[in-house]
């Protein structure tokens, strides 16, 4: 199991380094729905990062990844309804670079969750033994694919982790926080 984890990290890093030479193409955005639900457009890229096109209220962003801002955290009120629209933009085939976003319960051992999930290919890389710890997740998405999830932020204040569970992406830093305050 340890060798599989190290191998998956190595393979993902090779693909990421191979893709660093060019800009990822812009993908068309879905038409926005004005129903009062805050919608956050997130991109998963070849750098194995969650990014956004621009800063916005309630988003904590860091440096840049290509033309986009790194998404470090999403701030939310307890019970707030949130819509996340994740799109993968990649120069690689889906078998080499796909993304999801899995939000887990407070106190989940993220390292154990990610390690177990890299072997759960038939379950969109969500380990069956951790499914009860997942609040919400998108599908696993290849280049140009988009999935939208709508959920209510947990009522309990705290910092909830989200992660991409594709092999090697957790180790590559494709993580963030949902900060409920």
N, C-alpha and C. Protein backbone atom coordinates (compact mmCIF):
# COMPACT_ATOMS: atom_id res chain seq x y z
N UNK A 1 0.83 -1.19 0.00
CA UNK A 1 0.00 0.00 0.00
C UNK A 1 0.87 1.25 0.00
N UNK A 2 1.94 1.24 0.81
CA UNK A 2 2.83 2.39 0.87
C UNK A 2 3.47 2.64 -0.49
N UNK A 3 3.87 1.55 -1.17
CA UNK A 3 4.51 1.70 -2.48
C UNK A 3 3.52 2.23 -3.50
N UNK A 4 2.25 1.81 -3.43
CA UNK A 4 1.22 2.31 -4.34
C UNK A 4 1.03 3.81 -4.15
N UNK A 5 1.01 4.26 -2.91
CA UNK A 5 0.84 5.68 -2.61
C UNK A 5 2.01 6.49 -3.17
N UNK A 6 3.24 6.03 -2.94
CA UNK A 6 4.42 6.74 -3.44
C UNK A 6 4.43 6.72 -4.96
N UNK A 7 4.10 5.59 -5.56
CA UNK A 7 4.05 5.49 -7.02
C UNK A 7 3.02 6.46 -7.60
N UNK A 8 1.83 6.54 -7.00
CA UNK A 8 0.79 7.44 -7.53
C UNK A 8 1.23 8.90 -7.42
N UNK A 9 1.93 9.25 -6.36
CA UNK A 9 2.45 10.62 -6.24
C UNK A 9 3.47 10.88 -7.34
N UNK A 10 4.38 9.93 -7.54
CA UNK A 10 5.41 10.08 -8.55
C UNK A 10 4.80 10.26 -9.94
N UNK A 11 3.84 9.43 -10.30
CA UNK A 11 3.20 9.52 -11.61
C UNK A 11 2.47 10.85 -11.77
N UNK A 12 1.74 11.28 -10.75
CA UNK A 12 1.02 12.55 -10.83
C UNK A 12 1.98 13.73 -10.99
N UNK A 13 3.10 13.68 -10.30
CA UNK A 13 4.08 14.76 -10.42
C UNK A 13 4.71 14.79 -11.81
N UNK A 14 4.96 13.63 -12.39
CA UNK A 14 5.51 13.59 -13.74
C UNK A 14 4.54 14.24 -14.72
N UNK A 15 3.24 13.88 -14.62
CA UNK A 15 2.26 14.47 -15.51
C UNK A 15 2.13 15.97 -15.27
N UNK A 16 2.20 16.39 -14.03
CA UNK A 16 2.08 17.82 -13.73
C UNK A 16 3.26 18.58 -14.31
N UNK A 17 4.45 18.03 -14.16
CA UNK A 17 5.64 18.71 -14.71
C UNK A 17 5.59 18.76 -16.23
N UNK A 18 5.09 17.71 -16.86
CA UNK A 18 5.00 17.68 -18.31
C UNK A 18 4.03 18.73 -18.83
N UNK A 19 3.02 19.06 -18.01
CA UNK A 19 1.99 20.00 -18.44
C UNK A 19 2.35 21.45 -18.14
N UNK A 20 3.41 21.70 -17.43
CA UNK A 20 3.72 23.06 -16.98
C UNK A 20 4.11 24.01 -18.12
N UNK A 21 4.44 23.50 -19.28
CA UNK A 21 4.92 24.35 -20.35
C UNK A 21 3.90 25.28 -20.96
N UNK A 22 2.62 24.95 -20.96
CA UNK A 22 1.65 25.78 -21.68
C UNK A 22 0.53 26.24 -20.79
N UNK A 23 -0.17 27.25 -21.28
CA UNK A 23 -1.35 27.74 -20.58
C UNK A 23 -2.51 26.79 -20.82
N UNK A 24 -3.32 26.60 -19.84
CA UNK A 24 -4.50 25.77 -20.03
C UNK A 24 -5.57 26.59 -20.73
N UNK A 25 -6.31 25.96 -21.64
CA UNK A 25 -7.32 26.70 -22.38
C UNK A 25 -8.46 27.12 -21.47
N UNK A 26 -9.04 28.26 -21.78
CA UNK A 26 -10.22 28.71 -21.04
C UNK A 26 -11.40 27.85 -21.45
N UNK A 27 -12.21 27.47 -20.52
CA UNK A 27 -13.40 26.69 -20.80
C UNK A 27 -14.62 27.59 -20.70
N UNK A 28 -15.64 27.32 -21.50
CA UNK A 28 -16.84 28.14 -21.41
C UNK A 28 -17.50 27.96 -20.05
N UNK A 29 -18.03 29.05 -19.52
CA UNK A 29 -18.73 28.99 -18.25
C UNK A 29 -20.20 28.67 -18.48
N UNK A 30 -20.78 27.92 -17.54
CA UNK A 30 -22.21 27.69 -17.60
C UNK A 30 -22.92 28.99 -17.27
N UNK A 31 -24.13 29.11 -17.78
CA UNK A 31 -24.90 30.31 -17.50
C UNK A 31 -25.26 30.36 -16.01
N UNK A 32 -25.07 31.51 -15.40
CA UNK A 32 -25.34 31.68 -13.97
C UNK A 32 -26.84 31.66 -13.70
N UNK A 33 -27.20 31.08 -12.57
CA UNK A 33 -28.59 31.03 -12.13
C UNK A 33 -28.73 32.05 -11.01
N UNK A 34 -29.71 32.94 -11.11
CA UNK A 34 -29.92 33.94 -10.07
C UNK A 34 -31.06 33.50 -9.16
N UNK A 35 -30.75 32.58 -8.24
CA UNK A 35 -31.76 32.08 -7.32
C UNK A 35 -31.42 32.40 -5.87
N UNK A 36 -30.46 33.31 -5.67
CA UNK A 36 -30.11 33.72 -4.32
C UNK A 36 -29.08 32.84 -3.64
N UNK A 37 -28.67 31.74 -4.28
CA UNK A 37 -27.67 30.85 -3.70
C UNK A 37 -26.30 31.31 -4.16
N UNK A 38 -25.39 31.52 -3.21
CA UNK A 38 -24.03 31.92 -3.58
C UNK A 38 -23.38 30.80 -4.37
N UNK A 39 -22.90 31.16 -5.56
CA UNK A 39 -22.26 30.19 -6.45
C UNK A 39 -20.78 30.51 -6.54
N UNK A 40 -19.97 29.48 -6.32
CA UNK A 40 -18.52 29.62 -6.37
C UNK A 40 -18.02 28.78 -7.54
N UNK A 41 -17.42 29.46 -8.51
CA UNK A 41 -16.85 28.80 -9.69
C UNK A 41 -15.41 28.43 -9.39
N UNK A 42 -15.12 27.14 -9.32
CA UNK A 42 -13.78 26.66 -9.00
C UNK A 42 -13.25 25.88 -10.20
N UNK A 43 -11.96 26.04 -10.45
CA UNK A 43 -11.29 25.30 -11.52
C UNK A 43 -10.25 24.40 -10.89
N UNK A 44 -10.19 23.16 -11.34
CA UNK A 44 -9.10 22.25 -11.01
C UNK A 44 -8.15 22.25 -12.19
N UNK A 45 -6.86 22.51 -11.96
CA UNK A 45 -5.93 22.68 -13.08
C UNK A 45 -4.82 21.63 -13.07
N UNK A 46 -3.94 21.72 -14.06
CA UNK A 46 -2.83 20.79 -14.19
C UNK A 46 -1.78 20.95 -13.10
N UNK A 47 -1.80 22.07 -12.39
CA UNK A 47 -0.87 22.27 -11.28
C UNK A 47 -1.35 21.57 -10.01
N UNK A 48 -2.46 20.83 -10.11
CA UNK A 48 -3.08 20.15 -8.97
C UNK A 48 -3.45 21.17 -7.89
N UNK A 49 -4.18 22.19 -8.31
CA UNK A 49 -4.64 23.24 -7.40
C UNK A 49 -6.10 23.56 -7.70
N UNK A 50 -6.80 24.01 -6.66
CA UNK A 50 -8.12 24.61 -6.81
C UNK A 50 -7.87 26.09 -7.03
N UNK A 51 -8.42 26.66 -8.10
CA UNK A 51 -8.22 28.07 -8.40
C UNK A 51 -9.55 28.72 -8.76
N UNK A 52 -9.56 30.06 -8.69
CA UNK A 52 -10.71 30.85 -9.12
C UNK A 52 -10.22 31.92 -10.07
N UNK A 53 -11.12 32.42 -10.91
CA UNK A 53 -10.75 33.44 -11.89
C UNK A 53 -10.47 34.78 -11.24
N UNK A 54 -11.22 35.10 -10.15
CA UNK A 54 -11.04 36.39 -9.50
C UNK A 54 -11.41 36.29 -8.03
N UNK A 55 -10.88 37.23 -7.25
CA UNK A 55 -11.20 37.29 -5.82
C UNK A 55 -12.66 37.70 -5.66
N UNK A 56 -13.27 37.24 -4.59
CA UNK A 56 -14.65 37.59 -4.29
C UNK A 56 -14.86 37.53 -2.78
N UNK A 57 -15.87 38.21 -2.31
CA UNK A 57 -16.19 38.18 -0.89
C UNK A 57 -16.47 36.75 -0.46
N UNK A 58 -15.89 36.37 0.67
CA UNK A 58 -16.09 35.03 1.20
C UNK A 58 -15.11 34.00 0.67
N UNK A 59 -14.17 34.43 -0.17
CA UNK A 59 -13.13 33.53 -0.68
C UNK A 59 -11.78 34.01 -0.17
N UNK A 60 -10.98 33.09 0.31
CA UNK A 60 -9.63 33.41 0.73
C UNK A 60 -8.71 32.88 -0.37
N UNK A 61 -8.02 33.82 -1.04
CA UNK A 61 -7.15 33.43 -2.14
C UNK A 61 -5.71 33.73 -1.78
N UNK A 62 -4.82 33.01 -2.45
CA UNK A 62 -3.39 33.21 -2.21
C UNK A 62 -2.72 33.67 -3.47
N UNK A 63 -1.59 33.10 -3.78
CA UNK A 63 -0.84 33.47 -4.98
C UNK A 63 -1.56 33.07 -6.24
N UNK A 64 -0.81 33.00 -7.32
CA UNK A 64 -1.40 32.67 -8.61
C UNK A 64 -0.95 31.29 -9.07
N UNK A 65 -1.78 30.71 -9.91
CA UNK A 65 -1.47 29.47 -10.62
C UNK A 65 -1.90 29.71 -12.06
N UNK A 66 -0.93 29.99 -12.91
CA UNK A 66 -1.28 30.39 -14.28
C UNK A 66 -1.97 31.74 -14.24
N UNK A 67 -3.11 31.84 -14.89
CA UNK A 67 -3.86 33.09 -14.96
C UNK A 67 -4.85 33.25 -13.80
N UNK A 68 -4.89 32.29 -12.89
CA UNK A 68 -5.92 32.26 -11.85
C UNK A 68 -5.33 32.40 -10.45
N UNK A 69 -6.22 32.66 -9.49
CA UNK A 69 -5.82 32.79 -8.08
C UNK A 69 -6.01 31.47 -7.36
N UNK A 70 -5.05 31.11 -6.53
CA UNK A 70 -5.18 29.91 -5.71
C UNK A 70 -6.32 30.11 -4.71
N UNK A 71 -7.18 29.12 -4.59
CA UNK A 71 -8.27 29.17 -3.62
C UNK A 71 -7.81 28.43 -2.37
N UNK A 72 -7.68 29.17 -1.26
CA UNK A 72 -7.23 28.56 -0.02
C UNK A 72 -8.40 28.19 0.89
N UNK A 73 -9.46 29.01 0.88
CA UNK A 73 -10.59 28.73 1.77
C UNK A 73 -11.84 29.43 1.26
N UNK A 74 -12.96 28.87 1.72
CA UNK A 74 -14.28 29.46 1.48
C UNK A 74 -14.86 29.76 2.85
N UNK A 75 -15.31 30.99 3.05
CA UNK A 75 -15.93 31.37 4.32
C UNK A 75 -17.44 31.28 4.16
N UNK A 76 -18.11 30.75 5.20
CA UNK A 76 -19.56 30.59 5.15
C UNK A 76 -20.16 30.77 6.53
N UNK A 77 -21.42 31.12 6.55
CA UNK A 77 -22.19 31.19 7.79
C UNK A 77 -22.78 29.82 8.08
N UNK A 78 -23.00 29.47 9.34
CA UNK A 78 -23.63 28.19 9.65
C UNK A 78 -24.97 28.05 8.90
N UNK A 79 -25.15 26.94 8.22
CA UNK A 79 -26.39 26.66 7.51
C UNK A 79 -26.54 27.36 6.17
N UNK A 80 -25.58 28.21 5.79
CA UNK A 80 -25.67 28.93 4.52
C UNK A 80 -25.73 27.95 3.34
N UNK A 81 -26.63 28.21 2.41
CA UNK A 81 -26.70 27.39 1.21
C UNK A 81 -25.63 27.87 0.24
N UNK A 82 -24.85 26.92 -0.27
CA UNK A 82 -23.72 27.22 -1.15
C UNK A 82 -23.80 26.31 -2.37
N UNK A 83 -23.46 26.88 -3.50
CA UNK A 83 -23.36 26.09 -4.73
C UNK A 83 -21.90 26.17 -5.19
N UNK A 84 -21.30 25.02 -5.40
CA UNK A 84 -19.94 24.96 -5.94
C UNK A 84 -20.02 24.32 -7.32
N UNK A 85 -19.45 25.01 -8.28
CA UNK A 85 -19.37 24.50 -9.65
C UNK A 85 -17.90 24.28 -9.95
N UNK A 86 -17.51 23.01 -10.02
CA UNK A 86 -16.11 22.65 -10.28
C UNK A 86 -15.96 22.26 -11.74
N UNK A 87 -14.95 22.83 -12.40
CA UNK A 87 -14.61 22.51 -13.78
C UNK A 87 -13.13 22.11 -13.82
N UNK A 88 -12.84 21.04 -14.53
CA UNK A 88 -11.45 20.66 -14.75
C UNK A 88 -10.98 21.25 -16.07
N UNK A 89 -9.83 21.92 -16.02
CA UNK A 89 -9.17 22.46 -17.22
C UNK A 89 -7.79 21.81 -17.26
N UNK A 90 -7.56 20.99 -18.29
CA UNK A 90 -6.32 20.21 -18.33
C UNK A 90 -5.87 19.98 -19.77
N UNK A 91 -4.59 19.83 -19.94
CA UNK A 91 -4.00 19.44 -21.22
C UNK A 91 -3.74 17.93 -21.28
N UNK A 92 -4.13 17.22 -20.24
CA UNK A 92 -3.85 15.78 -20.13
C UNK A 92 -5.13 14.96 -20.23
N UNK A 93 -5.01 13.69 -20.59
CA UNK A 93 -6.19 12.83 -20.64
C UNK A 93 -6.73 12.58 -19.22
N UNK A 94 -8.03 12.27 -19.11
CA UNK A 94 -8.64 12.06 -17.78
C UNK A 94 -7.94 11.00 -16.93
N UNK A 95 -7.39 9.97 -17.54
CA UNK A 95 -6.70 8.93 -16.76
C UNK A 95 -5.46 9.48 -16.06
N UNK A 96 -4.91 10.58 -16.60
CA UNK A 96 -3.71 11.17 -16.01
C UNK A 96 -4.02 12.38 -15.14
N UNK A 97 -5.14 13.09 -15.43
CA UNK A 97 -5.45 14.30 -14.67
C UNK A 97 -6.97 14.50 -14.62
N UNK A 98 -7.53 14.21 -13.50
CA UNK A 98 -8.95 14.47 -13.23
C UNK A 98 -9.04 15.07 -11.84
N UNK A 99 -10.17 15.72 -11.58
CA UNK A 99 -10.35 16.36 -10.27
C UNK A 99 -11.75 16.13 -9.73
N UNK A 100 -11.84 16.13 -8.42
CA UNK A 100 -13.11 16.21 -7.72
C UNK A 100 -12.89 17.15 -6.54
N UNK A 101 -13.95 17.42 -5.82
CA UNK A 101 -13.86 18.19 -4.57
C UNK A 101 -14.72 17.46 -3.57
N UNK A 102 -14.08 16.96 -2.51
CA UNK A 102 -14.77 16.23 -1.46
C UNK A 102 -14.64 17.01 -0.15
N UNK A 103 -15.76 17.41 0.42
CA UNK A 103 -15.81 18.12 1.69
C UNK A 103 -16.11 17.11 2.78
N UNK A 104 -15.26 17.10 3.83
CA UNK A 104 -15.40 16.08 4.87
C UNK A 104 -15.78 16.69 6.22
N UNK A 105 -16.32 15.83 7.06
CA UNK A 105 -16.74 16.21 8.41
C UNK A 105 -15.58 16.77 9.23
N UNK A 106 -15.93 17.64 10.15
CA UNK A 106 -14.97 18.20 11.10
C UNK A 106 -14.26 17.07 11.84
N UNK A 107 -12.95 17.17 11.94
CA UNK A 107 -12.18 16.18 12.69
C UNK A 107 -11.79 14.95 11.89
N UNK A 108 -12.10 14.90 10.59
CA UNK A 108 -11.70 13.76 9.77
C UNK A 108 -10.19 13.79 9.57
N UNK A 109 -9.57 12.63 9.70
CA UNK A 109 -8.13 12.50 9.44
C UNK A 109 -7.95 12.58 7.93
N UNK A 110 -7.61 13.76 7.42
CA UNK A 110 -7.55 14.00 5.98
C UNK A 110 -6.48 13.14 5.32
N UNK A 111 -5.37 12.93 5.98
CA UNK A 111 -4.31 12.10 5.43
C UNK A 111 -4.81 10.66 5.25
N UNK A 112 -5.47 10.11 6.26
CA UNK A 112 -5.99 8.74 6.17
C UNK A 112 -7.08 8.65 5.10
N UNK A 113 -7.94 9.66 5.04
CA UNK A 113 -9.00 9.70 4.02
C UNK A 113 -8.40 9.70 2.62
N UNK A 114 -7.43 10.57 2.37
CA UNK A 114 -6.82 10.67 1.05
C UNK A 114 -6.05 9.40 0.69
N UNK A 115 -5.32 8.83 1.63
CA UNK A 115 -4.57 7.59 1.37
C UNK A 115 -5.50 6.45 1.00
N UNK A 116 -6.58 6.32 1.75
CA UNK A 116 -7.53 5.24 1.48
C UNK A 116 -8.24 5.46 0.15
N UNK A 117 -8.50 6.70 -0.18
CA UNK A 117 -9.28 7.00 -1.39
C UNK A 117 -8.52 6.78 -2.69
N UNK A 118 -7.19 6.84 -2.67
CA UNK A 118 -6.44 6.68 -3.93
C UNK A 118 -6.60 5.29 -4.52
N UNK A 119 -7.04 4.33 -3.74
CA UNK A 119 -7.23 2.97 -4.26
C UNK A 119 -8.69 2.71 -4.64
N UNK A 120 -9.57 3.68 -4.47
CA UNK A 120 -11.01 3.47 -4.70
C UNK A 120 -11.44 4.01 -6.07
N UNK A 121 -10.72 3.61 -7.10
CA UNK A 121 -11.00 4.10 -8.46
C UNK A 121 -12.44 3.86 -8.88
N UNK A 122 -12.98 2.70 -8.56
CA UNK A 122 -14.35 2.36 -8.97
C UNK A 122 -15.41 3.14 -8.22
N UNK A 123 -15.01 3.90 -7.22
CA UNK A 123 -15.94 4.70 -6.42
C UNK A 123 -15.58 6.19 -6.52
N UNK A 124 -15.10 6.62 -7.70
CA UNK A 124 -14.67 8.00 -7.91
C UNK A 124 -13.62 8.44 -6.90
N UNK A 125 -12.77 7.52 -6.50
CA UNK A 125 -11.68 7.78 -5.56
C UNK A 125 -12.17 8.31 -4.21
N UNK A 126 -13.31 7.79 -3.75
CA UNK A 126 -13.78 8.03 -2.39
C UNK A 126 -13.80 6.68 -1.70
N UNK A 127 -12.95 6.51 -0.68
CA UNK A 127 -12.85 5.23 0.02
C UNK A 127 -14.17 4.88 0.68
N UNK A 128 -14.72 3.68 0.40
CA UNK A 128 -16.00 3.29 0.99
C UNK A 128 -16.01 3.39 2.52
N UNK A 129 -14.89 3.10 3.16
CA UNK A 129 -14.85 3.15 4.62
C UNK A 129 -14.91 4.58 5.17
N UNK A 130 -14.77 5.58 4.31
CA UNK A 130 -14.85 6.98 4.73
C UNK A 130 -16.09 7.70 4.19
N UNK A 131 -16.94 6.99 3.45
CA UNK A 131 -18.11 7.64 2.86
C UNK A 131 -18.98 8.35 3.90
N UNK A 132 -19.05 7.79 5.10
CA UNK A 132 -19.88 8.42 6.15
C UNK A 132 -19.26 9.71 6.69
N UNK A 133 -18.01 10.01 6.32
CA UNK A 133 -17.33 11.24 6.75
C UNK A 133 -17.43 12.34 5.70
N UNK A 134 -17.96 12.01 4.51
CA UNK A 134 -18.06 12.97 3.41
C UNK A 134 -19.39 13.72 3.51
N UNK A 135 -19.30 15.04 3.58
CA UNK A 135 -20.50 15.88 3.61
C UNK A 135 -21.08 15.96 2.21
N UNK A 136 -20.23 16.25 1.23
CA UNK A 136 -20.66 16.36 -0.17
C UNK A 136 -19.44 16.21 -1.06
N UNK A 137 -19.63 15.71 -2.27
CA UNK A 137 -18.55 15.56 -3.22
C UNK A 137 -19.06 15.72 -4.64
N UNK A 138 -18.19 16.22 -5.51
CA UNK A 138 -18.49 16.25 -6.93
C UNK A 138 -18.11 14.91 -7.52
N UNK A 139 -18.47 14.71 -8.76
CA UNK A 139 -17.98 13.57 -9.53
C UNK A 139 -16.51 13.82 -9.87
N UNK A 140 -15.82 12.79 -10.30
CA UNK A 140 -14.46 12.92 -10.80
C UNK A 140 -14.57 13.44 -12.22
N UNK A 141 -13.83 14.52 -12.53
CA UNK A 141 -14.01 15.24 -13.79
C UNK A 141 -12.73 15.33 -14.60
N UNK A 142 -12.81 14.97 -15.88
CA UNK A 142 -11.71 15.16 -16.81
C UNK A 142 -11.80 16.53 -17.46
N UNK A 143 -10.88 16.83 -18.37
CA UNK A 143 -10.82 18.13 -19.02
C UNK A 143 -12.16 18.53 -19.63
N UNK A 144 -12.57 19.76 -19.30
CA UNK A 144 -13.79 20.32 -19.87
C UNK A 144 -15.07 19.89 -19.18
N UNK A 145 -14.98 18.98 -18.23
CA UNK A 145 -16.17 18.51 -17.52
C UNK A 145 -16.44 19.39 -16.30
N UNK A 146 -17.72 19.55 -16.01
CA UNK A 146 -18.16 20.38 -14.88
C UNK A 146 -19.19 19.60 -14.07
N UNK A 147 -19.13 19.76 -12.77
CA UNK A 147 -20.16 19.21 -11.88
C UNK A 147 -20.52 20.29 -10.87
N UNK A 148 -21.78 20.36 -10.53
CA UNK A 148 -22.28 21.35 -9.58
C UNK A 148 -22.90 20.64 -8.39
N UNK A 149 -22.51 21.10 -7.19
CA UNK A 149 -23.11 20.58 -5.96
C UNK A 149 -23.69 21.76 -5.18
N UNK A 150 -24.84 21.55 -4.60
CA UNK A 150 -25.46 22.57 -3.76
C UNK A 150 -25.71 21.92 -2.40
N UNK A 151 -25.32 22.62 -1.33
CA UNK A 151 -25.42 22.06 0.01
C UNK A 151 -25.52 23.19 1.02
N UNK A 152 -25.89 22.84 2.23
CA UNK A 152 -25.89 23.80 3.33
C UNK A 152 -24.63 23.60 4.15
N UNK A 153 -23.94 24.70 4.44
CA UNK A 153 -22.76 24.62 5.31
C UNK A 153 -23.18 24.01 6.64
N UNK A 154 -22.29 23.26 7.27
CA UNK A 154 -22.63 22.69 8.57
C UNK A 154 -23.02 23.78 9.57
N UNK A 155 -23.84 23.41 10.53
CA UNK A 155 -24.27 24.34 11.57
C UNK A 155 -23.18 24.60 12.60
N UNK A 156 -22.31 23.61 12.81
CA UNK A 156 -21.25 23.73 13.81
C UNK A 156 -20.08 24.55 13.24
N UNK A 157 -19.73 25.66 13.89
CA UNK A 157 -18.58 26.45 13.42
C UNK A 157 -17.30 25.62 13.46
N UNK A 158 -16.41 25.91 12.53
CA UNK A 158 -15.14 25.20 12.49
C UNK A 158 -14.54 25.27 11.10
N UNK A 159 -13.39 24.64 10.95
CA UNK A 159 -12.70 24.58 9.67
C UNK A 159 -12.80 23.17 9.11
N UNK A 160 -13.60 23.03 8.08
CA UNK A 160 -13.86 21.75 7.42
C UNK A 160 -12.95 21.65 6.20
N UNK A 161 -12.30 20.50 6.05
CA UNK A 161 -11.38 20.30 4.94
C UNK A 161 -12.11 19.87 3.68
N UNK A 162 -11.61 20.34 2.53
CA UNK A 162 -12.00 19.76 1.26
C UNK A 162 -10.72 19.41 0.51
N UNK A 163 -10.82 18.41 -0.36
CA UNK A 163 -9.64 17.84 -1.01
C UNK A 163 -10.03 17.23 -2.34
N UNK A 164 -9.08 17.18 -3.26
CA UNK A 164 -9.22 16.38 -4.47
C UNK A 164 -8.62 15.02 -4.13
N UNK A 165 -9.38 13.93 -4.40
CA UNK A 165 -8.93 12.59 -4.02
C UNK A 165 -8.28 11.82 -5.17
N UNK A 166 -8.10 12.46 -6.33
CA UNK A 166 -7.40 11.78 -7.43
C UNK A 166 -5.98 11.46 -6.93
N UNK A 167 -5.44 10.28 -7.29
CA UNK A 167 -4.11 9.89 -6.78
C UNK A 167 -3.05 10.97 -6.95
N UNK A 168 -2.38 11.29 -5.83
CA UNK A 168 -1.29 12.24 -5.81
C UNK A 168 -1.70 13.69 -5.59
N UNK A 169 -2.97 14.01 -5.73
CA UNK A 169 -3.38 15.41 -5.65
C UNK A 169 -3.40 15.96 -4.23
N UNK A 170 -3.74 15.13 -3.25
CA UNK A 170 -3.66 15.57 -1.85
C UNK A 170 -2.21 15.90 -1.52
N UNK A 171 -1.29 15.00 -1.89
CA UNK A 171 0.13 15.23 -1.62
C UNK A 171 0.64 16.44 -2.39
N UNK A 172 0.03 16.74 -3.54
CA UNK A 172 0.42 17.90 -4.33
C UNK A 172 -0.17 19.20 -3.83
N UNK A 173 -0.99 19.14 -2.78
CA UNK A 173 -1.52 20.36 -2.17
C UNK A 173 -2.89 20.78 -2.67
N UNK A 174 -3.66 19.86 -3.26
CA UNK A 174 -4.99 20.22 -3.75
C UNK A 174 -5.99 20.06 -2.62
N UNK A 175 -5.93 21.02 -1.70
CA UNK A 175 -6.75 21.01 -0.49
C UNK A 175 -7.22 22.44 -0.18
N UNK A 176 -8.17 22.55 0.69
CA UNK A 176 -8.64 23.85 1.16
C UNK A 176 -9.53 23.67 2.37
N UNK A 177 -10.07 24.79 2.84
CA UNK A 177 -10.91 24.79 4.04
C UNK A 177 -12.24 25.47 3.73
N UNK A 178 -13.30 24.93 4.30
CA UNK A 178 -14.57 25.63 4.40
C UNK A 178 -14.61 26.12 5.83
N UNK A 179 -14.52 27.44 5.99
CA UNK A 179 -14.49 28.03 7.34
C UNK A 179 -15.89 28.49 7.68
N UNK A 180 -16.50 27.79 8.63
CA UNK A 180 -17.86 28.14 9.06
C UNK A 180 -17.73 28.96 10.32
N UNK A 181 -18.24 30.23 10.24
CA UNK A 181 -18.13 31.14 11.38
C UNK A 181 -19.33 32.03 11.48
